[in-house]
């Protein structure tokens, strides 16, 4: 089902929705995904098309997992994106590689004993797609431009644990000035419904400051 359920919830709440297949996903072409490095420019092309045909008053980006990382990196270079909802984003490609090299259970293994495997994964991606893996970083993106962010993570997620979300929050501009907003951890069995996700999204869309974390 993926983010189709997210889109359904937003449509029921009265939002217009555009869904993008990332590079090498769905109907999109490309040899492989670059985890936001090139996809952020693809997002800009979509914004251009929307501005021409639909003339939206506000644009929000929503993504889950890799899509969340793409949304954050796109917002850093595209000021027409007003805000981002990021669910279970990776903090950086390097940080995510620690989890995968550590068998999604022991990231410290990816940083120590299995570090050669981590480096191999990163260098392989760089050579295949020709992009600087060290610069693929939602964590750096939120430090490059101030924009409202709703950060969501699952405390039981072993693929992209909540430490990724915490690193993104800590890097975001204006953290010490935020007092009225909020971010959410998803409960262990996060059920997408109009009451939880849709309600949180609606409340967030009415806010202008950055959310706090906790």
N, C-alpha and C. Protein backbone atom coordinates (compact mmCIF):
# COMPACT_ATOMS: atom_id res chain seq x y z
N UNK A 1 0.83 -1.20 0.00
CA UNK A 1 0.00 0.00 0.00
C UNK A 1 0.86 1.25 0.00
N UNK A 2 1.95 1.26 0.81
CA UNK A 2 2.86 2.39 0.80
C UNK A 2 2.17 3.70 1.14
N UNK A 3 2.55 4.76 0.41
CA UNK A 3 2.00 6.08 0.70
C UNK A 3 0.65 6.31 0.03
N UNK A 4 0.11 5.32 -0.64
CA UNK A 4 -1.23 5.47 -1.20
C UNK A 4 -2.25 5.75 -0.10
N UNK A 5 -2.06 5.13 1.05
CA UNK A 5 -2.98 5.38 2.16
C UNK A 5 -2.82 6.80 2.68
N UNK A 6 -1.58 7.31 2.70
CA UNK A 6 -1.37 8.70 3.08
C UNK A 6 -2.14 9.62 2.14
N UNK A 7 -2.03 9.34 0.84
CA UNK A 7 -2.71 10.18 -0.15
C UNK A 7 -4.22 10.12 0.02
N UNK A 8 -4.74 8.92 0.30
CA UNK A 8 -6.19 8.78 0.48
C UNK A 8 -6.67 9.62 1.65
N UNK A 9 -5.92 9.58 2.75
CA UNK A 9 -6.30 10.35 3.93
C UNK A 9 -6.32 11.84 3.63
N UNK A 10 -5.32 12.31 2.91
CA UNK A 10 -5.24 13.73 2.59
C UNK A 10 -6.35 14.14 1.62
N UNK A 11 -6.66 13.29 0.67
CA UNK A 11 -7.75 13.59 -0.26
C UNK A 11 -9.08 13.68 0.49
N UNK A 12 -9.28 12.78 1.43
CA UNK A 12 -10.52 12.82 2.22
C UNK A 12 -10.59 14.08 3.08
N UNK A 13 -9.42 14.63 3.43
CA UNK A 13 -9.38 15.85 4.25
C UNK A 13 -9.49 17.10 3.39
N UNK A 14 -9.57 16.96 2.07
CA UNK A 14 -9.77 18.11 1.20
C UNK A 14 -8.52 18.64 0.53
N UNK A 15 -7.39 17.95 0.68
CA UNK A 15 -6.16 18.37 0.03
C UNK A 15 -6.10 17.84 -1.40
N UNK A 16 -5.42 18.56 -2.28
CA UNK A 16 -5.05 18.04 -3.59
C UNK A 16 -3.70 17.35 -3.45
N UNK A 17 -3.50 16.25 -4.15
CA UNK A 17 -2.30 15.44 -3.97
C UNK A 17 -1.66 15.13 -5.31
N UNK A 18 -0.35 15.30 -5.38
CA UNK A 18 0.46 14.85 -6.51
C UNK A 18 1.47 13.84 -5.98
N UNK A 19 1.54 12.68 -6.61
CA UNK A 19 2.45 11.64 -6.16
C UNK A 19 3.56 11.45 -7.20
N UNK A 20 4.79 11.37 -6.71
CA UNK A 20 5.94 11.25 -7.59
C UNK A 20 6.61 9.89 -7.41
N UNK A 21 6.82 9.18 -8.51
CA UNK A 21 7.65 7.98 -8.49
C UNK A 21 9.11 8.43 -8.55
N UNK A 22 9.89 8.05 -7.55
CA UNK A 22 11.31 8.42 -7.55
C UNK A 22 12.05 7.71 -8.67
N UNK A 23 13.24 8.17 -8.95
CA UNK A 23 14.07 7.55 -9.98
C UNK A 23 14.23 6.06 -9.72
N UNK A 24 14.08 5.30 -10.82
CA UNK A 24 14.21 3.84 -10.76
C UNK A 24 13.13 3.19 -9.89
N UNK A 25 12.04 3.90 -9.69
CA UNK A 25 10.90 3.37 -8.93
C UNK A 25 9.62 3.57 -9.75
N UNK A 26 8.71 2.61 -9.66
CA UNK A 26 7.43 2.75 -10.33
C UNK A 26 7.60 2.96 -11.83
N UNK A 27 6.96 4.02 -12.34
CA UNK A 27 7.01 4.30 -13.77
C UNK A 27 8.15 5.23 -14.15
N UNK A 28 8.95 5.65 -13.19
CA UNK A 28 10.05 6.58 -13.47
C UNK A 28 11.28 5.83 -13.99
N UNK A 29 12.00 6.49 -14.88
CA UNK A 29 13.20 5.91 -15.45
C UNK A 29 14.41 6.23 -14.58
N UNK A 30 15.57 5.79 -15.04
CA UNK A 30 16.81 6.03 -14.31
C UNK A 30 17.45 4.73 -13.89
N UNK A 31 18.78 4.67 -13.91
CA UNK A 31 19.47 3.42 -13.55
C UNK A 31 19.36 3.06 -12.08
N UNK A 32 19.33 4.06 -11.20
CA UNK A 32 19.21 3.79 -9.77
C UNK A 32 18.83 5.06 -9.04
N UNK A 33 18.32 4.88 -7.83
CA UNK A 33 17.97 6.03 -7.00
C UNK A 33 19.23 6.68 -6.45
N UNK A 34 19.17 7.99 -6.25
CA UNK A 34 20.30 8.71 -5.63
C UNK A 34 19.91 9.27 -4.26
N UNK A 35 18.80 8.81 -3.71
CA UNK A 35 18.39 9.09 -2.33
C UNK A 35 18.21 10.58 -2.04
N UNK A 36 17.88 11.34 -3.07
CA UNK A 36 17.60 12.76 -2.89
C UNK A 36 18.53 13.69 -3.62
N UNK A 37 19.71 13.23 -4.01
CA UNK A 37 20.69 14.11 -4.64
C UNK A 37 20.17 14.64 -5.99
N UNK A 38 19.67 13.76 -6.85
CA UNK A 38 19.08 14.18 -8.12
C UNK A 38 17.57 14.34 -8.00
N UNK A 39 16.96 13.57 -7.12
CA UNK A 39 15.50 13.62 -6.98
C UNK A 39 15.01 15.00 -6.53
N UNK A 40 15.84 15.74 -5.81
CA UNK A 40 15.41 17.08 -5.38
C UNK A 40 15.17 17.98 -6.58
N UNK A 41 15.93 17.79 -7.65
CA UNK A 41 15.70 18.56 -8.88
C UNK A 41 14.47 18.05 -9.62
N UNK A 42 14.19 16.74 -9.54
CA UNK A 42 12.95 16.22 -10.11
C UNK A 42 11.75 16.86 -9.41
N UNK A 43 11.86 17.03 -8.11
CA UNK A 43 10.78 17.66 -7.35
C UNK A 43 10.57 19.09 -7.81
N UNK A 44 11.66 19.79 -8.09
CA UNK A 44 11.55 21.17 -8.58
C UNK A 44 10.78 21.22 -9.90
N UNK A 45 10.98 20.25 -10.77
CA UNK A 45 10.25 20.21 -12.04
C UNK A 45 8.76 20.03 -11.79
N UNK A 46 8.41 19.22 -10.79
CA UNK A 46 7.00 19.03 -10.46
C UNK A 46 6.39 20.32 -9.92
N UNK A 47 7.14 21.03 -9.09
CA UNK A 47 6.66 22.30 -8.56
C UNK A 47 6.44 23.29 -9.70
N UNK A 48 7.35 23.32 -10.65
CA UNK A 48 7.19 24.21 -11.82
C UNK A 48 5.90 23.90 -12.56
N UNK A 49 5.63 22.61 -12.77
CA UNK A 49 4.41 22.21 -13.48
C UNK A 49 3.16 22.59 -12.70
N UNK A 50 3.19 22.43 -11.39
CA UNK A 50 2.04 22.80 -10.56
C UNK A 50 1.80 24.30 -10.59
N UNK A 51 2.87 25.07 -10.52
CA UNK A 51 2.74 26.53 -10.57
C UNK A 51 2.11 26.97 -11.88
N UNK A 52 2.43 26.28 -12.97
CA UNK A 52 1.92 26.65 -14.28
C UNK A 52 0.46 26.27 -14.47
N UNK A 53 0.10 25.08 -13.97
CA UNK A 53 -1.23 24.56 -14.27
C UNK A 53 -2.25 24.74 -13.15
N UNK A 54 -1.79 24.67 -11.90
CA UNK A 54 -2.73 24.66 -10.78
C UNK A 54 -2.71 25.92 -9.92
N UNK A 55 -1.61 26.65 -9.93
CA UNK A 55 -1.45 27.88 -9.15
C UNK A 55 -1.80 27.66 -7.66
N UNK A 56 -1.15 26.73 -7.00
CA UNK A 56 -1.48 26.45 -5.59
C UNK A 56 -1.07 27.59 -4.67
N UNK A 57 -1.84 27.79 -3.61
CA UNK A 57 -1.48 28.80 -2.62
C UNK A 57 -0.36 28.31 -1.71
N UNK A 58 -0.37 27.03 -1.41
CA UNK A 58 0.66 26.45 -0.55
C UNK A 58 1.04 25.07 -1.07
N UNK A 59 2.29 24.71 -0.87
CA UNK A 59 2.77 23.39 -1.25
C UNK A 59 3.43 22.72 -0.04
N UNK A 60 2.96 21.53 0.28
CA UNK A 60 3.56 20.74 1.35
C UNK A 60 4.13 19.46 0.74
N UNK A 61 5.26 19.04 1.24
CA UNK A 61 5.86 17.78 0.79
C UNK A 61 5.73 16.74 1.89
N UNK A 62 5.33 15.54 1.50
CA UNK A 62 5.17 14.43 2.44
C UNK A 62 5.94 13.24 1.91
N UNK A 63 6.73 12.59 2.78
CA UNK A 63 7.44 11.41 2.35
C UNK A 63 7.64 10.44 3.49
N UNK A 64 7.84 9.18 3.13
CA UNK A 64 8.09 8.13 4.11
C UNK A 64 9.39 7.43 3.74
N UNK A 65 10.25 7.18 4.71
CA UNK A 65 11.51 6.48 4.51
C UNK A 65 12.38 7.26 3.51
N UNK A 66 12.76 6.65 2.39
CA UNK A 66 13.56 7.36 1.41
C UNK A 66 12.83 8.59 0.89
N UNK A 67 11.51 8.46 0.72
CA UNK A 67 10.71 9.60 0.26
C UNK A 67 10.76 10.76 1.23
N UNK A 68 10.84 10.47 2.53
CA UNK A 68 10.95 11.53 3.53
C UNK A 68 12.28 12.26 3.38
N UNK A 69 13.36 11.48 3.15
CA UNK A 69 14.66 12.10 2.94
C UNK A 69 14.68 12.96 1.70
N UNK A 70 14.03 12.50 0.64
CA UNK A 70 13.94 13.28 -0.59
C UNK A 70 13.16 14.57 -0.35
N UNK A 71 12.05 14.48 0.36
CA UNK A 71 11.22 15.66 0.63
C UNK A 71 12.01 16.72 1.40
N UNK A 72 12.77 16.30 2.39
CA UNK A 72 13.56 17.25 3.19
C UNK A 72 14.65 17.89 2.35
N UNK A 73 15.32 17.10 1.53
CA UNK A 73 16.38 17.66 0.70
C UNK A 73 15.83 18.56 -0.40
N UNK A 74 14.64 18.22 -0.91
CA UNK A 74 14.00 19.06 -1.91
C UNK A 74 13.62 20.41 -1.33
N UNK A 75 13.09 20.42 -0.11
CA UNK A 75 12.68 21.67 0.52
C UNK A 75 13.87 22.59 0.79
N UNK A 76 15.03 22.01 0.97
CA UNK A 76 16.22 22.82 1.24
C UNK A 76 16.62 23.66 0.03
N UNK A 77 16.30 23.19 -1.18
CA UNK A 77 16.70 23.91 -2.40
C UNK A 77 15.51 24.50 -3.14
N UNK A 78 14.30 24.22 -2.67
CA UNK A 78 13.10 24.71 -3.35
C UNK A 78 12.25 25.52 -2.37
N UNK A 79 12.40 26.84 -2.35
CA UNK A 79 11.68 27.67 -1.37
C UNK A 79 10.17 27.70 -1.55
N UNK A 80 9.68 27.22 -2.69
CA UNK A 80 8.22 27.19 -2.88
C UNK A 80 7.56 26.06 -2.10
N UNK A 81 8.34 25.14 -1.56
CA UNK A 81 7.80 24.13 -0.65
C UNK A 81 7.68 24.76 0.73
N UNK A 82 6.46 24.90 1.21
CA UNK A 82 6.21 25.63 2.45
C UNK A 82 6.61 24.84 3.69
N UNK A 83 6.41 23.53 3.66
CA UNK A 83 6.67 22.71 4.85
C UNK A 83 6.77 21.26 4.44
N UNK A 84 7.29 20.45 5.35
CA UNK A 84 7.53 19.03 5.06
C UNK A 84 7.01 18.17 6.21
N UNK A 85 6.37 17.06 5.87
CA UNK A 85 6.07 16.00 6.83
C UNK A 85 6.97 14.83 6.46
N UNK A 86 7.85 14.46 7.37
CA UNK A 86 8.84 13.41 7.10
C UNK A 86 8.66 12.27 8.09
N UNK A 87 8.26 11.11 7.58
CA UNK A 87 8.04 9.94 8.42
C UNK A 87 9.18 8.94 8.20
N UNK A 88 9.93 8.65 9.26
CA UNK A 88 11.00 7.65 9.23
C UNK A 88 12.06 7.97 8.18
N UNK A 89 12.51 9.22 8.17
CA UNK A 89 13.59 9.59 7.25
C UNK A 89 14.93 9.07 7.75
N UNK A 90 15.86 8.89 6.83
CA UNK A 90 17.25 8.64 7.21
C UNK A 90 17.93 9.99 7.44
N UNK A 91 18.89 10.04 8.36
CA UNK A 91 19.59 11.29 8.64
C UNK A 91 20.60 11.62 7.55
N UNK A 92 21.29 10.60 7.07
CA UNK A 92 22.24 10.74 5.98
C UNK A 92 22.45 9.37 5.38
N UNK A 93 22.97 9.34 4.16
CA UNK A 93 23.21 8.05 3.53
C UNK A 93 24.26 7.26 4.31
N UNK A 94 25.24 7.95 4.83
CA UNK A 94 26.27 7.27 5.61
C UNK A 94 25.68 6.68 6.90
N UNK A 95 24.85 7.46 7.58
CA UNK A 95 24.25 6.97 8.83
C UNK A 95 23.35 5.77 8.56
N UNK A 96 22.60 5.81 7.46
CA UNK A 96 21.73 4.68 7.13
C UNK A 96 22.54 3.44 6.79
N UNK A 97 23.71 3.63 6.19
CA UNK A 97 24.54 2.49 5.83
C UNK A 97 25.03 1.74 7.07
N UNK A 98 25.18 2.46 8.18
CA UNK A 98 25.58 1.79 9.42
C UNK A 98 24.53 0.77 9.85
N UNK A 99 23.25 1.15 9.69
CA UNK A 99 22.17 0.25 10.08
C UNK A 99 22.11 -0.97 9.17
N UNK A 100 22.25 -0.75 7.86
CA UNK A 100 22.18 -1.87 6.94
C UNK A 100 23.39 -2.79 7.08
N UNK A 101 24.58 -2.21 7.24
CA UNK A 101 25.77 -3.04 7.44
C UNK A 101 25.72 -3.78 8.77
N UNK A 102 25.05 -3.19 9.76
CA UNK A 102 24.89 -3.82 11.07
C UNK A 102 23.67 -4.70 11.17
N UNK A 103 23.16 -5.15 10.00
CA UNK A 103 22.05 -6.10 9.94
C UNK A 103 20.77 -5.53 10.54
N UNK A 104 20.65 -4.20 10.49
CA UNK A 104 19.45 -3.49 10.97
C UNK A 104 19.19 -3.70 12.45
N UNK A 105 20.16 -4.15 13.17
CA UNK A 105 20.01 -4.37 14.61
C UNK A 105 21.13 -3.74 15.41
N UNK A 106 22.31 -3.71 14.83
CA UNK A 106 23.49 -3.30 15.58
C UNK A 106 24.29 -2.27 14.77
N UNK A 107 23.84 -1.01 14.73
CA UNK A 107 24.54 0.00 13.92
C UNK A 107 25.99 0.19 14.32
N UNK A 108 26.31 -0.10 15.59
CA UNK A 108 27.69 0.05 16.02
C UNK A 108 28.61 -0.92 15.28
N UNK A 109 28.03 -2.07 14.82
CA UNK A 109 28.83 -2.99 14.01
C UNK A 109 29.19 -2.36 12.67
N UNK A 110 28.25 -1.59 12.12
CA UNK A 110 28.50 -0.92 10.85
C UNK A 110 29.55 0.16 10.96
N UNK A 111 29.72 0.67 12.19
CA UNK A 111 30.72 1.72 12.41
C UNK A 111 32.08 1.14 12.81
N UNK A 112 32.11 -0.11 13.22
CA UNK A 112 33.36 -0.69 13.75
C UNK A 112 33.77 -1.92 12.95
N UNK A 113 33.40 -3.11 13.39
CA UNK A 113 33.86 -4.36 12.79
C UNK A 113 33.45 -4.49 11.32
N UNK A 114 32.24 -4.03 11.00
CA UNK A 114 31.75 -4.16 9.63
C UNK A 114 31.92 -2.87 8.83
N UNK A 115 32.79 -1.98 9.31
CA UNK A 115 33.00 -0.70 8.62
C UNK A 115 33.43 -0.88 7.16
N UNK A 116 34.29 -1.85 6.83
CA UNK A 116 34.63 -2.03 5.40
C UNK A 116 33.41 -2.28 4.52
N UNK A 117 32.42 -3.02 5.07
CA UNK A 117 31.20 -3.23 4.31
C UNK A 117 30.42 -1.95 4.12
N UNK A 118 30.43 -1.10 5.15
CA UNK A 118 29.78 0.20 5.06
C UNK A 118 30.41 1.04 3.97
N UNK A 119 31.73 1.12 3.98
CA UNK A 119 32.42 1.93 2.97
C UNK A 119 32.19 1.39 1.56
N UNK A 120 32.16 0.06 1.45
CA UNK A 120 31.92 -0.54 0.14
C UNK A 120 30.55 -0.17 -0.39
N UNK A 121 29.53 -0.20 0.46
CA UNK A 121 28.19 0.19 0.04
C UNK A 121 28.16 1.62 -0.46
N UNK A 122 28.82 2.53 0.25
CA UNK A 122 28.81 3.94 -0.11
C UNK A 122 29.56 4.17 -1.42
N UNK A 123 30.75 3.60 -1.53
CA UNK A 123 31.55 3.79 -2.74
C UNK A 123 30.88 3.17 -3.96
N UNK A 124 30.21 2.04 -3.75
CA UNK A 124 29.51 1.40 -4.85
C UNK A 124 28.40 2.29 -5.38
N UNK A 125 27.65 2.90 -4.48
CA UNK A 125 26.57 3.82 -4.89
C UNK A 125 27.14 5.02 -5.64
N UNK A 126 28.23 5.56 -5.13
CA UNK A 126 28.84 6.71 -5.78
C UNK A 126 29.30 6.38 -7.20
N UNK A 127 29.93 5.25 -7.37
CA UNK A 127 30.47 4.89 -8.68
C UNK A 127 29.38 4.57 -9.68
N UNK A 128 28.29 3.94 -9.22
CA UNK A 128 27.22 3.57 -10.14
C UNK A 128 26.43 4.79 -10.62
N UNK A 129 26.10 5.67 -9.71
CA UNK A 129 25.22 6.79 -10.05
C UNK A 129 25.95 8.11 -10.22
N UNK A 130 27.22 8.17 -9.84
CA UNK A 130 27.99 9.39 -10.02
C UNK A 130 27.51 10.55 -9.17
N UNK A 131 27.25 10.30 -7.90
CA UNK A 131 26.84 11.38 -7.01
C UNK A 131 27.64 11.31 -5.72
N UNK A 132 27.84 12.45 -5.04
CA UNK A 132 28.63 12.45 -3.80
C UNK A 132 27.81 11.95 -2.62
N UNK A 133 28.03 10.72 -2.23
CA UNK A 133 27.22 10.10 -1.17
C UNK A 133 27.31 10.88 0.14
N UNK A 134 28.44 11.50 0.39
CA UNK A 134 28.59 12.23 1.65
C UNK A 134 27.68 13.45 1.73
N UNK A 135 27.20 13.92 0.58
CA UNK A 135 26.33 15.09 0.56
C UNK A 135 24.85 14.73 0.58
N UNK A 136 24.53 13.45 0.53
CA UNK A 136 23.13 13.01 0.58
C UNK A 136 22.74 12.98 2.05
N UNK A 137 22.09 14.06 2.50
CA UNK A 137 21.88 14.20 3.94
C UNK A 137 20.69 15.10 4.26
N UNK A 138 19.54 14.52 4.61
CA UNK A 138 18.44 15.33 5.13
C UNK A 138 18.85 16.13 6.36
N UNK A 139 19.77 15.59 7.14
CA UNK A 139 20.27 16.30 8.32
C UNK A 139 20.91 17.64 7.91
N UNK A 140 21.70 17.63 6.85
CA UNK A 140 22.30 18.87 6.35
C UNK A 140 21.25 19.76 5.70
N UNK A 141 20.24 19.14 5.09
CA UNK A 141 19.22 19.90 4.39
C UNK A 141 18.44 20.82 5.33
N UNK A 142 18.06 20.30 6.51
CA UNK A 142 17.28 21.13 7.43
C UNK A 142 18.13 22.23 8.06
N UNK A 143 19.44 22.09 7.96
CA UNK A 143 20.34 23.14 8.47
C UNK A 143 20.62 24.20 7.41
N UNK A 144 20.23 23.92 6.17
CA UNK A 144 20.53 24.85 5.07
C UNK A 144 19.43 25.88 4.86
N UNK A 145 18.20 25.54 5.20
CA UNK A 145 17.07 26.47 5.01
C UNK A 145 16.05 26.23 6.11
N UNK A 146 15.50 27.30 6.65
CA UNK A 146 14.47 27.20 7.69
C UNK A 146 13.11 26.94 7.03
N UNK A 147 12.48 25.85 7.42
CA UNK A 147 11.11 25.57 6.98
C UNK A 147 10.45 24.67 8.01
N UNK A 148 9.14 24.76 8.18
CA UNK A 148 8.45 23.93 9.18
C UNK A 148 8.56 22.45 8.82
N UNK A 149 8.80 21.63 9.83
CA UNK A 149 8.94 20.20 9.62
C UNK A 149 8.17 19.45 10.70
N UNK A 150 7.36 18.49 10.29
CA UNK A 150 6.74 17.54 11.22
C UNK A 150 7.52 16.24 11.07
N UNK A 151 8.21 15.82 12.11
CA UNK A 151 9.03 14.62 12.10
C UNK A 151 8.31 13.49 12.82
N UNK A 152 8.21 12.34 12.15
CA UNK A 152 7.52 11.19 12.70
C UNK A 152 8.46 9.99 12.63
N UNK A 153 8.52 9.21 13.70
CA UNK A 153 9.29 7.97 13.64
C UNK A 153 8.61 6.90 14.46
N UNK A 154 8.98 5.66 14.22
CA UNK A 154 8.41 4.51 14.90
C UNK A 154 9.45 3.97 15.87
N UNK A 155 9.09 3.91 17.14
CA UNK A 155 10.03 3.46 18.15
C UNK A 155 10.47 2.02 17.94
N UNK A 156 9.73 1.26 17.14
CA UNK A 156 10.07 -0.15 16.88
C UNK A 156 10.76 -0.34 15.54
N UNK A 157 11.03 0.73 14.82
CA UNK A 157 11.65 0.64 13.50
C UNK A 157 13.11 0.23 13.64
N UNK A 158 13.50 -0.88 13.02
CA UNK A 158 14.89 -1.32 13.08
C UNK A 158 15.65 -0.97 11.81
N UNK A 159 14.93 -0.62 10.74
CA UNK A 159 15.60 -0.23 9.49
C UNK A 159 16.14 1.19 9.58
N UNK A 160 15.30 2.11 10.04
CA UNK A 160 15.70 3.50 10.23
C UNK A 160 15.23 3.92 11.63
N UNK A 161 15.99 3.60 12.65
CA UNK A 161 15.59 3.89 14.03
C UNK A 161 15.39 5.37 14.29
N UNK A 162 14.77 5.67 15.41
CA UNK A 162 14.43 7.05 15.73
C UNK A 162 15.65 7.96 15.92
N UNK A 163 16.83 7.41 16.06
CA UNK A 163 18.00 8.27 16.20
C UNK A 163 18.21 9.10 14.93
N UNK A 164 17.77 8.58 13.77
CA UNK A 164 17.86 9.35 12.54
C UNK A 164 16.99 10.61 12.64
N UNK A 165 15.76 10.44 13.10
CA UNK A 165 14.85 11.57 13.26
C UNK A 165 15.39 12.56 14.28
N UNK A 166 15.98 12.05 15.35
CA UNK A 166 16.55 12.93 16.38
C UNK A 166 17.71 13.74 15.82
N UNK A 167 18.55 13.15 14.99
CA UNK A 167 19.67 13.87 14.39
C UNK A 167 19.17 14.97 13.46
N UNK A 168 18.10 14.69 12.72
CA UNK A 168 17.53 15.71 11.84
C UNK A 168 16.97 16.86 12.67
N UNK A 169 16.26 16.52 13.73
CA UNK A 169 15.72 17.56 14.59
C UNK A 169 16.82 18.44 15.17
N UNK A 170 17.88 17.81 15.67
CA UNK A 170 18.96 18.56 16.30
C UNK A 170 19.66 19.49 15.32
N UNK A 171 19.65 19.13 14.03
CA UNK A 171 20.34 19.94 13.02
C UNK A 171 19.49 21.08 12.47
N UNK A 172 18.18 21.02 12.69
CA UNK A 172 17.28 21.99 12.07
C UNK A 172 17.50 23.39 12.63
N UNK A 173 17.33 24.36 11.77
CA UNK A 173 17.53 25.76 12.13
C UNK A 173 16.44 26.23 13.10
N UNK A 174 16.84 26.97 14.12
CA UNK A 174 15.87 27.61 14.99
C UNK A 174 15.34 26.75 16.11
N UNK A 175 16.02 25.67 16.46
CA UNK A 175 15.50 24.76 17.47
C UNK A 175 15.23 25.46 18.80
N UNK A 176 16.12 26.34 19.24
CA UNK A 176 15.97 26.97 20.55
C UNK A 176 14.85 27.99 20.59
N UNK A 177 14.35 28.39 19.44
CA UNK A 177 13.30 29.41 19.38
C UNK A 177 11.90 28.80 19.33
N UNK A 178 11.82 27.51 19.26
CA UNK A 178 10.52 26.87 19.12
C UNK A 178 9.91 26.59 20.48
N UNK A 179 8.66 26.96 20.64
CA UNK A 179 8.04 26.69 21.90
C UNK A 179 6.63 26.15 21.81
N UNK A 180 5.98 26.32 20.64
CA UNK A 180 4.56 26.00 20.58
C UNK A 180 4.23 24.83 19.67
N UNK A 181 5.21 24.33 18.93
CA UNK A 181 4.91 23.29 17.95
C UNK A 181 5.27 21.93 18.48
N UNK A 182 5.10 20.93 17.66
CA UNK A 182 5.31 19.59 18.17
C UNK A 182 5.69 18.64 17.03
N UNK A 183 6.41 17.63 17.38
CA UNK A 183 6.64 16.49 16.49
C UNK A 183 6.16 15.26 17.22
N UNK A 184 6.04 14.16 16.52
CA UNK A 184 5.46 12.98 17.14
C UNK A 184 6.30 11.74 16.85
N UNK A 185 6.39 10.86 17.84
CA UNK A 185 6.87 9.51 17.60
C UNK A 185 5.64 8.67 17.28
N UNK A 186 5.75 7.79 16.31
CA UNK A 186 4.65 6.88 16.06
C UNK A 186 4.68 5.79 17.12
N UNK A 187 3.54 5.32 17.58
CA UNK A 187 3.52 4.20 18.53
C UNK A 187 4.00 2.93 17.84
N UNK A 188 4.31 1.89 18.60
CA UNK A 188 4.84 0.66 18.00
C UNK A 188 4.00 0.12 16.85
N UNK A 189 2.68 0.20 16.95
CA UNK A 189 1.81 -0.25 15.87
C UNK A 189 1.07 0.96 15.31
N UNK A 190 1.77 1.73 14.49
CA UNK A 190 1.21 2.98 13.97
C UNK A 190 0.14 2.65 12.95
N UNK A 191 -1.12 3.00 13.26
CA UNK A 191 -2.21 2.77 12.33
C UNK A 191 -2.57 4.07 11.64
N UNK A 192 -2.44 4.12 10.30
CA UNK A 192 -2.75 5.34 9.57
C UNK A 192 -4.26 5.55 9.58
N UNK A 193 -4.72 6.66 10.11
CA UNK A 193 -6.14 6.96 10.12
C UNK A 193 -6.32 8.46 10.11
N UNK A 194 -7.52 8.89 9.80
CA UNK A 194 -7.81 10.32 9.78
C UNK A 194 -7.62 10.91 11.16
N UNK A 195 -7.79 10.07 12.20
CA UNK A 195 -7.69 10.58 13.56
C UNK A 195 -6.25 10.86 13.97
N UNK A 196 -5.31 9.99 13.60
CA UNK A 196 -3.93 10.22 14.02
C UNK A 196 -3.12 10.97 12.97
N UNK A 197 -2.85 10.34 11.84
CA UNK A 197 -2.01 10.99 10.84
C UNK A 197 -2.67 12.24 10.26
N UNK A 198 -3.93 12.08 9.82
CA UNK A 198 -4.61 13.22 9.21
C UNK A 198 -4.77 14.38 10.17
N UNK A 199 -5.11 14.07 11.42
CA UNK A 199 -5.26 15.13 12.40
C UNK A 199 -3.95 15.82 12.70
N UNK A 200 -2.89 15.04 12.83
CA UNK A 200 -1.58 15.64 13.08
C UNK A 200 -1.15 16.51 11.90
N UNK A 201 -1.40 16.03 10.70
CA UNK A 201 -1.03 16.80 9.51
C UNK A 201 -1.81 18.10 9.44
N UNK A 202 -3.09 18.04 9.73
CA UNK A 202 -3.91 19.24 9.66
C UNK A 202 -3.45 20.26 10.69
N UNK A 203 -3.20 19.83 11.93
CA UNK A 203 -2.72 20.75 12.95
C UNK A 203 -1.39 21.37 12.56
N UNK A 204 -0.52 20.52 12.01
CA UNK A 204 0.79 21.00 11.61
C UNK A 204 0.69 22.03 10.49
N UNK A 205 -0.21 21.81 9.54
CA UNK A 205 -0.32 22.72 8.39
C UNK A 205 -0.79 24.11 8.80
N UNK A 206 -1.36 24.24 9.99
CA UNK A 206 -1.81 25.53 10.47
C UNK A 206 -0.71 26.30 11.21
N UNK A 207 0.42 25.64 11.43
CA UNK A 207 1.50 26.24 12.21
C UNK A 207 2.56 26.84 11.31
N UNK A 208 3.31 27.78 11.84
CA UNK A 208 4.34 28.45 11.04
C UNK A 208 5.73 28.26 11.60
N UNK A 209 5.85 27.86 12.87
CA UNK A 209 7.17 27.67 13.47
C UNK A 209 7.59 26.22 13.34
N UNK A 210 8.86 25.94 13.66
CA UNK A 210 9.36 24.57 13.64
C UNK A 210 8.83 23.79 14.83
N UNK A 211 8.63 22.46 14.61
CA UNK A 211 8.19 21.64 15.73
C UNK A 211 9.31 21.31 16.68
N UNK A 212 8.95 21.11 17.93
CA UNK A 212 9.92 20.59 18.89
C UNK A 212 9.89 19.07 18.82
N UNK A 213 10.84 18.44 19.47
CA UNK A 213 10.99 16.98 19.34
C UNK A 213 10.75 16.36 20.69
N UNK A 214 9.81 15.41 20.74
CA UNK A 214 9.57 14.70 21.98
C UNK A 214 8.12 14.42 22.20
